[in-house]
Structures are given as structure tokens and as C-alpha cells.
Amino acid sequence: MRGGGEDGRDNYGGDMLISVKVIPRSRKNSVEWVKGEEGEEGERLKVRLTAPPVDGAANEALVALLAERLGVPKRQVVIVRGATSRQKVVEVVGLSPSDVRQRLA
């Protein structure tokens, strides 16, 4: 059963769900934690990608970038919501919230 985290991230059983805002066609790839927008609590990831949002290229780039930064195989990073949107929810399998936070700091 999934439980809501007080910081805008959900976690359960060693896995973590992260709210992500993707900005495609950026000059460089980057990942940063940002405060939630008005009405949102906690933090989320803001990910800039050089890939365009065409034919799933940005989604593939997002998974690859997060997996690289987290030091896990790509199969452990899954887009669970928002595949066609800039606002996504990504599941990181097998890492605790503190591990994810530390590795993406």
C-alpha cells in the first residue's frame, strides 16, 4: 500500500514516487529539487533535458538521466504517470527516500 509523504513524495517498501517537472529542449541536462508551486506542498524535481518531446525521446532521456544520477539500472526508474505531460510521477524502485534525496542533491 502506498503512503503519502509530507514532502510531496510518496514512499513505500524501499521504493519512492517523485513528482517531476520536465523541461525538454534545454541547453543541457540537469536535475534539481525545487519547492512546490503555489498550492503544492514539499518539493519536486525539475529536470531539464536536451531531448525533444517527440516519439518518447524525452521520456527515455528522463529515465536514463535519473538512473545515471541515482546509480541504478534504467529498469528501476519507471514513469508511472504523465507519459505525455511535462508533469510526471516517477517511481524509483529499491531506493529509500533518503538515498534518492542524497544521490540527487
PDB file of N, CA and C in Angstrom:
ATOM      1  N   MET A   1       0.848  -1.187   0.000  1.00  0.00           N
ATOM      2  CA  MET A   1       0.000   0.000   0.000  1.00  0.00           C
ATOM      3  C   MET A   1       0.885   1.239   0.000  1.00  0.00           C
ATOM      4  N   ARG A   2       0.589   2.192  -0.840  1.00  0.00           N
ATOM      5  CA  ARG A   2       1.389   3.391  -0.952  1.00  0.00           C
ATOM      6  C   ARG A   2       0.942   4.417   0.066  1.00  0.00           C
ATOM      7  N   GLY A   3       1.923   5.102   0.638  1.00  0.00           N
ATOM      8  CA  GLY A   3       1.619   6.119   1.629  1.00  0.00           C
ATOM      9  C   GLY A   3       2.143   7.456   1.181  1.00  0.00           C
ATOM     10  N   GLY A   4       1.409   8.515   1.466  1.00  0.00           N
ATOM     11  CA  GLY A   4       1.818   9.846   1.051  1.00  0.00           C
ATOM     12  C   GLY A   4       2.882  10.417   1.966  1.00  0.00           C
ATOM     13  N   GLY A   5       3.896  10.989   1.377  1.00  0.00           N
ATOM     14  CA  GLY A   5       4.945  11.651   2.142  1.00  0.00           C
ATOM     15  C   GLY A   5       4.580  13.101   2.373  1.00  0.00           C
ATOM     16  N   GLU A   6       5.017  13.663   3.472  1.00  0.00           N
ATOM     17  CA  GLU A   6       4.672  15.047   3.778  1.00  0.00           C
ATOM     18  C   GLU A   6       5.418  16.041   2.908  1.00  0.00           C
ATOM     19  N   ASP A   7       6.396  15.590   2.156  1.00  0.00           N
ATOM     20  CA  ASP A   7       7.175  16.497   1.329  1.00  0.00           C
ATOM     21  C   ASP A   7       6.809  16.416  -0.149  1.00  0.00           C
ATOM     22  N   GLY A   8       5.632  15.896  -0.467  1.00  0.00           N
ATOM     23  CA  GLY A   8       5.195  15.827  -1.852  1.00  0.00           C
ATOM     24  C   GLY A   8       5.644  14.558  -2.551  1.00  0.00           C
ATOM     25  N   ARG A   9       6.418  13.746  -1.866  1.00  0.00           N
ATOM     26  CA  ARG A   9       6.882  12.494  -2.441  1.00  0.00           C
ATOM     27  C   ARG A   9       6.230  11.355  -1.684  1.00  0.00           C
ATOM     28  N   ASP A  10       5.895  10.295  -2.392  1.00  0.00           N
ATOM     29  CA  ASP A  10       5.316   9.121  -1.770  1.00  0.00           C
ATOM     30  C   ASP A  10       6.389   8.061  -1.662  1.00  0.00           C
ATOM     31  N   ASN A  11       6.339   7.284  -0.597  1.00  0.00           N
ATOM     32  CA  ASN A  11       7.293   6.202  -0.485  1.00  0.00           C
ATOM     33  C   ASN A  11       6.642   5.010   0.192  1.00  0.00           C
ATOM     34  N   TYR A  12       7.142   3.832  -0.158  1.00  0.00           N
ATOM     35  CA  TYR A  12       6.649   2.615   0.448  1.00  0.00           C
ATOM     36  C   TYR A  12       7.643   1.511   0.148  1.00  0.00           C
ATOM     37  N   GLY A  13       7.868   0.664   1.107  1.00  0.00           N
ATOM     38  CA  GLY A  13       8.660  -0.535   0.908  1.00  0.00           C
ATOM     39  C   GLY A  13       9.981  -0.344   0.206  1.00  0.00           C
ATOM     40  N   GLY A  14      10.716   0.735   0.445  1.00  0.00           N
ATOM     41  CA  GLY A  14      12.001   0.920  -0.199  1.00  0.00           C
ATOM     42  C   GLY A  14      11.908   1.544  -1.574  1.00  0.00           C
ATOM     43  N   ASP A  15      10.709   1.763  -2.082  1.00  0.00           N
ATOM     44  CA  ASP A  15      10.530   2.423  -3.368  1.00  0.00           C
ATOM     45  C   ASP A  15      10.074   3.850  -3.116  1.00  0.00           C
ATOM     46  N   MET A  16      10.170   4.681  -4.122  1.00  0.00           N
ATOM     47  CA  MET A  16       9.801   6.080  -3.938  1.00  0.00           C
ATOM     48  C   MET A  16       9.140   6.627  -5.191  1.00  0.00           C
ATOM     49  N   LEU A  17       8.097   7.415  -5.005  1.00  0.00           N
ATOM     50  CA  LEU A  17       7.449   8.130  -6.096  1.00  0.00           C
ATOM     51  C   LEU A  17       7.854   9.593  -5.992  1.00  0.00           C
ATOM     52  N   ILE A  18       8.264  10.163  -7.121  1.00  0.00           N
ATOM     53  CA  ILE A  18       8.735  11.544  -7.143  1.00  0.00           C
ATOM     54  C   ILE A  18       7.933  12.331  -8.171  1.00  0.00           C
ATOM     55  N   SER A  19       7.453  13.506  -7.769  1.00  0.00           N
ATOM     56  CA  SER A  19       6.834  14.426  -8.721  1.00  0.00           C
ATOM     57  C   SER A  19       7.955  15.092  -9.509  1.00  0.00           C
ATOM     58  N   VAL A  20       7.804  15.110 -10.832  1.00  0.00           N
ATOM     59  CA  VAL A  20       8.854  15.638 -11.703  1.00  0.00           C
ATOM     60  C   VAL A  20       8.243  16.601 -12.713  1.00  0.00           C
ATOM     61  N   LYS A  21       8.878  17.747 -12.878  1.00  0.00           N
ATOM     62  CA  LYS A  21       8.522  18.660 -13.966  1.00  0.00           C
ATOM     63  C   LYS A  21       9.653  18.590 -14.980  1.00  0.00           C
ATOM     64  N   VAL A  22       9.315  18.241 -16.217  1.00  0.00           N
ATOM     65  CA  VAL A  22      10.308  18.075 -17.273  1.00  0.00           C
ATOM     66  C   VAL A  22      10.287  19.289 -18.195  1.00  0.00           C
ATOM     67  N   ILE A  23      11.473  19.787 -18.500  1.00  0.00           N
ATOM     68  CA  ILE A  23      11.617  20.885 -19.458  1.00  0.00           C
ATOM     69  C   ILE A  23      12.472  20.358 -20.608  1.00  0.00           C
ATOM     70  N   PRO A  24      11.821  19.941 -21.712  1.00  0.00           N
ATOM     71  CA  PRO A  24      12.563  19.396 -22.855  1.00  0.00           C
ATOM     72  C   PRO A  24      13.222  20.506 -23.672  1.00  0.00           C
ATOM     73  N   ARG A  25      14.103  20.098 -24.580  1.00  0.00           N
ATOM     74  CA  ARG A  25      14.814  21.004 -25.487  1.00  0.00           C
ATOM     75  C   ARG A  25      15.609  22.076 -24.741  1.00  0.00           C
ATOM     76  N   SER A  26      16.201  21.709 -23.623  1.00  0.00           N
ATOM     77  CA  SER A  26      17.048  22.637 -22.870  1.00  0.00           C
ATOM     78  C   SER A  26      18.467  22.595 -23.432  1.00  0.00           C
ATOM     79  N   ARG A  27      19.278  23.560 -23.015  1.00  0.00           N
ATOM     80  CA  ARG A  27      20.669  23.593 -23.488  1.00  0.00           C
ATOM     81  C   ARG A  27      21.498  22.458 -22.924  1.00  0.00           C
ATOM     82  N   LYS A  28      21.176  22.038 -21.697  1.00  0.00           N
ATOM     83  CA  LYS A  28      21.915  20.929 -21.085  1.00  0.00           C
ATOM     84  C   LYS A  28      20.986  20.152 -20.168  1.00  0.00           C
ATOM     85  N   ASN A  29      21.394  18.934 -19.861  1.00  0.00           N
ATOM     86  CA  ASN A  29      20.635  18.105 -18.922  1.00  0.00           C
ATOM     87  C   ASN A  29      20.974  18.518 -17.503  1.00  0.00           C
ATOM     88  N   SER A  30      19.956  18.646 -16.659  1.00  0.00           N
ATOM     89  CA  SER A  30      20.184  18.956 -15.249  1.00  0.00           C
ATOM     90  C   SER A  30      19.016  18.470 -14.410  1.00  0.00           C
ATOM     91  N   VAL A  31      19.312  18.257 -13.112  1.00  0.00           N
ATOM     92  CA  VAL A  31      18.311  17.799 -12.157  1.00  0.00           C
ATOM     93  C   VAL A  31      18.443  18.655 -10.916  1.00  0.00           C
ATOM     94  N   GLU A  32      17.322  19.212 -10.432  1.00  0.00           N
ATOM     95  CA  GLU A  32      17.371  19.986  -9.197  1.00  0.00           C
ATOM     96  C   GLU A  32      16.068  19.835  -8.436  1.00  0.00           C
ATOM     97  N   TRP A  33      16.168  19.891  -7.109  1.00  0.00           N
ATOM     98  CA  TRP A  33      14.981  19.895  -6.260  1.00  0.00           C
ATOM     99  C   TRP A  33      14.470  21.323  -6.179  1.00  0.00           C
ATOM    100  N   VAL A  34      13.173  21.517  -6.322  1.00  0.00           N
ATOM    101  CA  VAL A  34      12.557  22.837  -6.206  1.00  0.00           C
ATOM    102  C   VAL A  34      11.338  22.732  -5.300  1.00  0.00           C
ATOM    103  N   LYS A  35      10.986  23.852  -4.680  1.00  0.00           N
ATOM    104  CA  LYS A  35       9.771  23.885  -3.865  1.00  0.00           C
ATOM    105  C   LYS A  35       8.570  23.750  -4.773  1.00  0.00           C
ATOM    106  N   GLY A  36       7.506  23.163  -4.217  1.00  0.00           N
ATOM    107  CA  GLY A  36       6.279  23.021  -4.975  1.00  0.00           C
ATOM    108  C   GLY A  36       5.701  24.375  -5.332  1.00  0.00           C
ATOM    109  N   GLU A  37       4.942  24.412  -6.405  1.00  0.00           N
ATOM    110  CA  GLU A  37       4.304  25.653  -6.817  1.00  0.00           C
ATOM    111  C   GLU A  37       3.183  26.002  -5.858  1.00  0.00           C
ATOM    112  N   GLU A  38       2.585  27.158  -6.041  1.00  0.00           N
ATOM    113  CA  GLU A  38       1.514  27.597  -5.149  1.00  0.00           C
ATOM    114  C   GLU A  38       0.441  26.524  -5.039  1.00  0.00           C
ATOM    115  N   GLY A  39       0.079  26.209  -3.816  1.00  0.00           N
ATOM    116  CA  GLY A  39      -0.923  25.182  -3.572  1.00  0.00           C
ATOM    117  C   GLY A  39      -0.338  23.789  -3.413  1.00  0.00           C
ATOM    118  N   GLU A  40       0.942  23.627  -3.713  1.00  0.00           N
ATOM    119  CA  GLU A  40       1.604  22.340  -3.562  1.00  0.00           C
ATOM    120  C   GLU A  40       2.481  22.364  -2.328  1.00  0.00           C
ATOM    121  N   GLU A  41       2.559  21.245  -1.655  1.00  0.00           N
ATOM    122  CA  GLU A  41       3.446  21.140  -0.506  1.00  0.00           C
ATOM    123  C   GLU A  41       4.716  20.417  -0.917  1.00  0.00           C
ATOM    124  N   GLY A  42       5.765  20.613  -0.160  1.00  0.00           N
ATOM    125  CA  GLY A  42       7.003  19.864  -0.341  1.00  0.00           C
ATOM    126  C   GLY A  42       7.794  20.286  -1.549  1.00  0.00           C
ATOM    127  N   GLU A  43       8.581  19.325  -2.046  1.00  0.00           N
ATOM    128  CA  GLU A  43       9.472  19.573  -3.166  1.00  0.00           C
ATOM    129  C   GLU A  43       9.172  18.605  -4.298  1.00  0.00           C
ATOM    130  N   ARG A  44       9.708  18.949  -5.452  1.00  0.00           N
ATOM    131  CA  ARG A  44       9.648  18.051  -6.593  1.00  0.00           C
ATOM    132  C   ARG A  44      10.922  18.241  -7.386  1.00  0.00           C
ATOM    133  N   LEU A  45      11.131  17.390  -8.343  1.00  0.00           N
ATOM    134  CA  LEU A  45      12.302  17.522  -9.200  1.00  0.00           C
ATOM    135  C   LEU A  45      11.970  18.367 -10.414  1.00  0.00           C
ATOM    136  N   LYS A  46      12.907  19.200 -10.785  1.00  0.00           N
ATOM    137  CA  LYS A  46      12.825  19.937 -12.036  1.00  0.00           C
ATOM    138  C   LYS A  46      13.965  19.388 -12.887  1.00  0.00           C
ATOM    139  N   VAL A  47      13.609  18.773 -13.996  1.00  0.00           N
ATOM    140  CA  VAL A  47      14.600  18.116 -14.846  1.00  0.00           C
ATOM    141  C   VAL A  47      14.608  18.781 -16.216  1.00  0.00           C
ATOM    142  N   ARG A  48      15.757  19.286 -16.577  1.00  0.00           N
ATOM    143  CA  ARG A  48      15.950  19.868 -17.911  1.00  0.00           C
ATOM    144  C   ARG A  48      16.612  18.820 -18.787  1.00  0.00           C
ATOM    145  N   LEU A  49      16.063  18.641 -19.985  1.00  0.00           N
ATOM    146  CA  LEU A  49      16.561  17.632 -20.917  1.00  0.00           C
ATOM    147  C   LEU A  49      16.850  18.255 -22.274  1.00  0.00           C
ATOM    148  N   THR A  50      17.926  17.818 -22.909  1.00  0.00           N
ATOM    149  CA  THR A  50      18.218  18.301 -24.256  1.00  0.00           C
ATOM    150  C   THR A  50      17.308  17.627 -25.284  1.00  0.00           C
ATOM    151  N   ALA A  51      16.747  16.494 -24.930  1.00  0.00           N
ATOM    152  CA  ALA A  51      15.894  15.728 -25.844  1.00  0.00           C
ATOM    153  C   ALA A  51      14.574  16.450 -26.100  1.00  0.00           C
ATOM    154  N   PRO A  52      14.041  16.317 -27.323  1.00  0.00           N
ATOM    155  CA  PRO A  52      12.732  16.904 -27.631  1.00  0.00           C
ATOM    156  C   PRO A  52      11.605  15.986 -27.156  1.00  0.00           C
ATOM    157  N   PRO A  53      10.415  16.552 -26.954  1.00  0.00           N
ATOM    158  CA  PRO A  53       9.277  15.724 -26.539  1.00  0.00           C
ATOM    159  C   PRO A  53       8.601  15.056 -27.734  1.00  0.00           C
ATOM    160  N   VAL A  54       9.376  14.302 -28.501  1.00  0.00           N
ATOM    161  CA  VAL A  54       8.876  13.678 -29.722  1.00  0.00           C
ATOM    162  C   VAL A  54       9.156  12.177 -29.669  1.00  0.00           C
ATOM    163  N   ASP A  55       8.140  11.388 -29.958  1.00  0.00           N
ATOM    164  CA  ASP A  55       8.274   9.927 -30.029  1.00  0.00           C
ATOM    165  C   ASP A  55       8.908   9.319 -28.777  1.00  0.00           C
ATOM    166  N   GLY A  56       8.619   9.881 -27.620  1.00  0.00           N
ATOM    167  CA  GLY A  56       9.110   9.310 -26.371  1.00  0.00           C
ATOM    168  C   GLY A  56      10.571   9.605 -26.057  1.00  0.00           C
ATOM    169  N   ALA A  57      11.218  10.441 -26.864  1.00  0.00           N
ATOM    170  CA  ALA A  57      12.646  10.727 -26.663  1.00  0.00           C
ATOM    171  C   ALA A  57      12.908  11.384 -25.311  1.00  0.00           C
ATOM    172  N   ALA A  58      12.051  12.319 -24.906  1.00  0.00           N
ATOM    173  CA  ALA A  58      12.248  12.994 -23.620  1.00  0.00           C
ATOM    174  C   ALA A  58      12.031  12.013 -22.459  1.00  0.00           C
ATOM    175  N   ASN A  59      11.062  11.128 -22.573  1.00  0.00           N
ATOM    176  CA  ASN A  59      10.832  10.136 -21.524  1.00  0.00           C
ATOM    177  C   ASN A  59      12.028   9.197 -21.385  1.00  0.00           C
ATOM    178  N   GLU A  60      12.570   8.747 -22.506  1.00  0.00           N
ATOM    179  CA  GLU A  60      13.748   7.883 -22.477  1.00  0.00           C
ATOM    180  C   GLU A  60      14.939   8.616 -21.862  1.00  0.00           C
ATOM    181  N   ALA A  61      15.098   9.875 -22.231  1.00  0.00           N
ATOM    182  CA  ALA A  61      16.201  10.673 -21.686  1.00  0.00           C
ATOM    183  C   ALA A  61      16.026  10.900 -20.189  1.00  0.00           C
ATOM    184  N   LEU A  62      14.781  11.110 -19.747  1.00  0.00           N
ATOM    185  CA  LEU A  62      14.499  11.297 -18.322  1.00  0.00           C
ATOM    186  C   LEU A  62      14.883  10.059 -17.531  1.00  0.00           C
ATOM    187  N   VAL A  63      14.451   8.902 -17.979  1.00  0.00           N
ATOM    188  CA  VAL A  63      14.754   7.649 -17.293  1.00  0.00           C
ATOM    189  C   VAL A  63      16.267   7.422 -17.262  1.00  0.00           C
ATOM    190  N   ALA A  64      16.930   7.641 -18.389  1.00  0.00           N
ATOM    191  CA  ALA A  64      18.378   7.426 -18.463  1.00  0.00           C
ATOM    192  C   ALA A  64      19.132   8.378 -17.536  1.00  0.00           C
ATOM    193  N   LEU A  65      18.735   9.646 -17.513  1.00  0.00           N
ATOM    194  CA  LEU A  65      19.412  10.633 -16.674  1.00  0.00           C
ATOM    195  C   LEU A  65      19.222  10.329 -15.194  1.00  0.00           C
ATOM    196  N   LEU A  66      17.994  10.040 -14.788  1.00  0.00           N
ATOM    197  CA  LEU A  66      17.742   9.732 -13.380  1.00  0.00           C
ATOM    198  C   LEU A  66      18.460   8.449 -12.959  1.00  0.00           C
ATOM    199  N   ALA A  67      18.445   7.435 -13.806  1.00  0.00           N
ATOM    200  CA  ALA A  67      19.138   6.186 -13.485  1.00  0.00           C
ATOM    201  C   ALA A  67      20.636   6.434 -13.317  1.00  0.00           C
ATOM    202  N   GLU A  68      21.201   7.234 -14.203  1.00  0.00           N
ATOM    203  CA  GLU A  68      22.637   7.551 -14.108  1.00  0.00           C
ATOM    204  C   GLU A  68      22.953   8.292 -12.813  1.00  0.00           C
ATOM    205  N   ARG A  69      22.174   9.326 -12.513  1.00  0.00           N
ATOM    206  CA  ARG A  69      22.416  10.123 -11.305  1.00  0.00           C
ATOM    207  C   ARG A  69      22.190   9.317 -10.026  1.00  0.00           C
ATOM    208  N   LEU A  70      21.260   8.369 -10.070  1.00  0.00           N
ATOM    209  CA  LEU A  70      20.951   7.562  -8.896  1.00  0.00           C
ATOM    210  C   LEU A  70      21.860   6.333  -8.776  1.00  0.00           C
ATOM    211  N   GLY A  71      22.560   6.009  -9.855  1.00  0.00           N
ATOM    212  CA  GLY A  71      23.436   4.847  -9.830  1.00  0.00           C
ATOM    213  C   GLY A  71      22.687   3.530  -9.829  1.00  0.00           C
ATOM    214  N   VAL A  72      21.575   3.496 -10.564  1.00  0.00           N
ATOM    215  CA  VAL A  72      20.768   2.274 -10.647  1.00  0.00           C
ATOM    216  C   VAL A  72      20.519   1.948 -12.118  1.00  0.00           C
ATOM    217  N   PRO A  73      20.149   0.700 -12.420  1.00  0.00           N
ATOM    218  CA  PRO A  73      19.784   0.355 -13.793  1.00  0.00           C
ATOM    219  C   PRO A  73      18.515   1.111 -14.221  1.00  0.00           C
ATOM    220  N   LYS A  74      18.388   1.352 -15.512  1.00  0.00           N
ATOM    221  CA  LYS A  74      17.211   2.073 -16.023  1.00  0.00           C
ATOM    222  C   LYS A  74      15.897   1.377 -15.675  1.00  0.00           C
ATOM    223  N   ARG A  75      15.934   0.067 -15.528  1.00  0.00           N
ATOM    224  CA  ARG A  75      14.698  -0.666 -15.218  1.00  0.00           C
ATOM    225  C   ARG A  75      14.142  -0.313 -13.841  1.00  0.00           C
ATOM    226  N   GLN A  76      14.945   0.319 -12.983  1.00  0.00           N
ATOM    227  CA  GLN A  76      14.492   0.709 -11.649  1.00  0.00           C
ATOM    228  C   GLN A  76      13.873   2.109 -11.622  1.00  0.00           C
ATOM    229  N   VAL A  77      13.854   2.778 -12.756  1.00  0.00           N
ATOM    230  CA  VAL A  77      13.243   4.104 -12.853  1.00  0.00           C
ATOM    231  C   VAL A  77      12.084   3.993 -13.834  1.00  0.00           C
ATOM    232  N   VAL A  78      10.855   4.212 -13.321  1.00  0.00           N
ATOM    233  CA  VAL A  78       9.659   3.977 -14.126  1.00  0.00           C
ATOM    234  C   VAL A  78       8.755   5.205 -14.082  1.00  0.00           C
ATOM    235  N   ILE A  79       8.324   5.667 -15.240  1.00  0.00           N
ATOM    236  CA  ILE A  79       7.339   6.750 -15.305  1.00  0.00           C
ATOM    237  C   ILE A  79       5.977   6.102 -15.080  1.00  0.00           C
ATOM    238  N   VAL A  80       5.327   6.449 -13.961  1.00  0.00           N
ATOM    239  CA  VAL A  80       4.046   5.815 -13.630  1.00  0.00           C
ATOM    240  C   VAL A  80       2.845   6.695 -13.977  1.00  0.00           C
ATOM    241  N   ARG A  81       3.074   7.989 -14.165  1.00  0.00           N
ATOM    242  CA  ARG A  81       2.001   8.906 -14.557  1.00  0.00           C
ATOM    243  C   ARG A  81       2.585  10.045 -15.361  1.00  0.00           C
ATOM    244  N   GLY A  82       1.841  10.500 -16.358  1.00  0.00           N
ATOM    245  CA  GLY A  82       2.229  11.684 -17.099  1.00  0.00           C
ATOM    246  C   GLY A  82       3.151  11.441 -18.272  1.00  0.00           C
ATOM    247  N   ALA A  83       3.074  10.293 -18.900  1.00  0.00           N
ATOM    248  CA  ALA A  83       3.976   9.974 -20.007  1.00  0.00           C
ATOM    249  C   ALA A  83       3.898  10.994 -21.139  1.00  0.00           C
ATOM    250  N   THR A  84       2.740  11.636 -21.331  1.00  0.00           N
ATOM    251  CA  THR A  84       2.604  12.616 -22.411  1.00  0.00           C
ATOM    252  C   THR A  84       2.536  14.051 -21.886  1.00  0.00           C
ATOM    253  N   SER A  85       2.871  14.233 -20.627  1.00  0.00           N
ATOM    254  CA  SER A  85       2.796  15.548 -19.989  1.00  0.00           C
ATOM    255  C   SER A  85       4.170  15.966 -19.483  1.00  0.00           C
ATOM    256  N   ARG A  86       4.341  17.250 -19.233  1.00  0.00           N
ATOM    257  CA  ARG A  86       5.577  17.726 -18.615  1.00  0.00           C
ATOM    258  C   ARG A  86       5.593  17.434 -17.118  1.00  0.00           C
ATOM    259  N   GLN A  87       4.410  17.276 -16.533  1.00  0.00           N
ATOM    260  CA  GLN A  87       4.280  16.914 -15.114  1.00  0.00           C
ATOM    261  C   GLN A  87       4.186  15.394 -15.042  1.00  0.00           C
ATOM    262  N   LYS A  88       5.157  14.772 -14.390  1.00  0.00           N
ATOM    263  CA  LYS A  88       5.201  13.321 -14.338  1.00  0.00           C
ATOM    264  C   LYS A  88       5.346  12.832 -12.902  1.00  0.00           C
ATOM    265  N   VAL A  89       5.063  11.576 -12.697  1.00  0.00           N
ATOM    266  CA  VAL A  89       5.369  10.905 -11.447  1.00  0.00           C
ATOM    267  C   VAL A  89       6.270   9.729 -11.830  1.00  0.00           C
ATOM    268  N   VAL A  90       7.440   9.696 -11.186  1.00  0.00           N
ATOM    269  CA  VAL A  90       8.432   8.673 -11.481  1.00  0.00           C
ATOM    270  C   VAL A  90       8.628   7.812 -10.242  1.00  0.00           C
ATOM    271  N   GLU A  91       8.635   6.506 -10.441  1.00  0.00           N
ATOM    272  CA  GLU A  91       8.901   5.573  -9.353  1.00  0.00           C
ATOM    273  C   GLU A  91      10.357   5.136  -9.433  1.00  0.00           C
ATOM    274  N   VAL A  92      11.024   5.194  -8.290  1.00  0.00           N
ATOM    275  CA  VAL A  92      12.384   4.677  -8.174  1.00  0.00           C
ATOM    276  C   VAL A  92      12.292   3.434  -7.298  1.00  0.00           C
ATOM    277  N   VAL A  93      12.584   2.297  -7.886  1.00  0.00           N
ATOM    278  CA  VAL A  93      12.442   1.014  -7.199  1.00  0.00           C
ATOM    279  C   VAL A  93      13.744   0.661  -6.482  1.00  0.00           C
ATOM    280  N   GLY A  94      13.605   0.256  -5.218  1.00  0.00           N
ATOM    281  CA  GLY A  94      14.738  -0.279  -4.487  1.00  0.00           C
ATOM    282  C   GLY A  94      15.598   0.730  -3.752  1.00  0.00           C
ATOM    283  N   LEU A  95      15.225   2.001  -3.758  1.00  0.00           N
ATOM    284  CA  LEU A  95      15.976   3.010  -3.007  1.00  0.00           C
ATOM    285  C   LEU A  95      15.049   3.694  -2.017  1.00  0.00           C
ATOM    286  N   SER A  96      15.574   3.970  -0.855  1.00  0.00           N
ATOM    287  CA  SER A  96      14.795   4.691   0.152  1.00  0.00           C
ATOM    288  C   SER A  96      14.750   6.169  -0.211  1.00  0.00           C
ATOM    289  N   PRO A  97      13.785   6.905   0.329  1.00  0.00           N
ATOM    290  CA  PRO A  97      13.726   8.345   0.067  1.00  0.00           C
ATOM    291  C   PRO A  97      15.019   9.073   0.441  1.00  0.00           C
ATOM    292  N   SER A  98      15.647   8.677   1.529  1.00  0.00           N
ATOM    293  CA  SER A  98      16.886   9.359   1.917  1.00  0.00           C
ATOM    294  C   SER A  98      18.009   9.068   0.927  1.00  0.00           C
ATOM    295  N   ASP A  99      18.061   7.847   0.382  1.00  0.00           N
ATOM    296  CA  ASP A  99      19.063   7.519  -0.644  1.00  0.00           C
ATOM    297  C   ASP A  99      18.843   8.349  -1.907  1.00  0.00           C
ATOM    298  N   VAL A 100      17.591   8.439  -2.329  1.00  0.00           N
ATOM    299  CA  VAL A 100      17.262   9.209  -3.532  1.00  0.00           C
ATOM    300  C   VAL A 100      17.628  10.672  -3.323  1.00  0.00           C
ATOM    301  N   ARG A 101      17.231  11.215  -2.196  1.00  0.00           N
ATOM    302  CA  ARG A 101      17.494  12.623  -1.886  1.00  0.00           C
ATOM    303  C   ARG A 101      19.011  12.899  -1.896  1.00  0.00           C
ATOM    304  N   GLN A 102      19.765  12.026  -1.263  1.00  0.00           N
ATOM    305  CA  GLN A 102      21.216  12.199  -1.163  1.00  0.00           C
ATOM    306  C   GLN A 102      21.874  12.113  -2.528  1.00  0.00           C
ATOM    307  N   ARG A 103      21.471  11.150  -3.337  1.00  0.00           N
ATOM    308  CA  ARG A 103      22.094  10.945  -4.641  1.00  0.00           C
ATOM    309  C   ARG A 103      21.737  12.036  -5.647  1.00  0.00           C
ATOM    310  N   LEU A 104      20.591  12.682  -5.463  1.00  0.00           N
ATOM    311  CA  LEU A 104      20.176  13.736  -6.397  1.00  0.00           C
ATOM    312  C   LEU A 104      20.463  15.137  -5.871  1.00  0.00           C
ATOM    313  N   ALA A 105      21.108  15.222  -4.702  1.00  0.00           N
ATOM    314  CA  ALA A 105      21.408  16.544  -4.110  1.00  0.00           C
ATOM    315  C   ALA A 105      22.478  17.257  -4.909  1.00  0.00           C
TER     316      ALA A 105
END
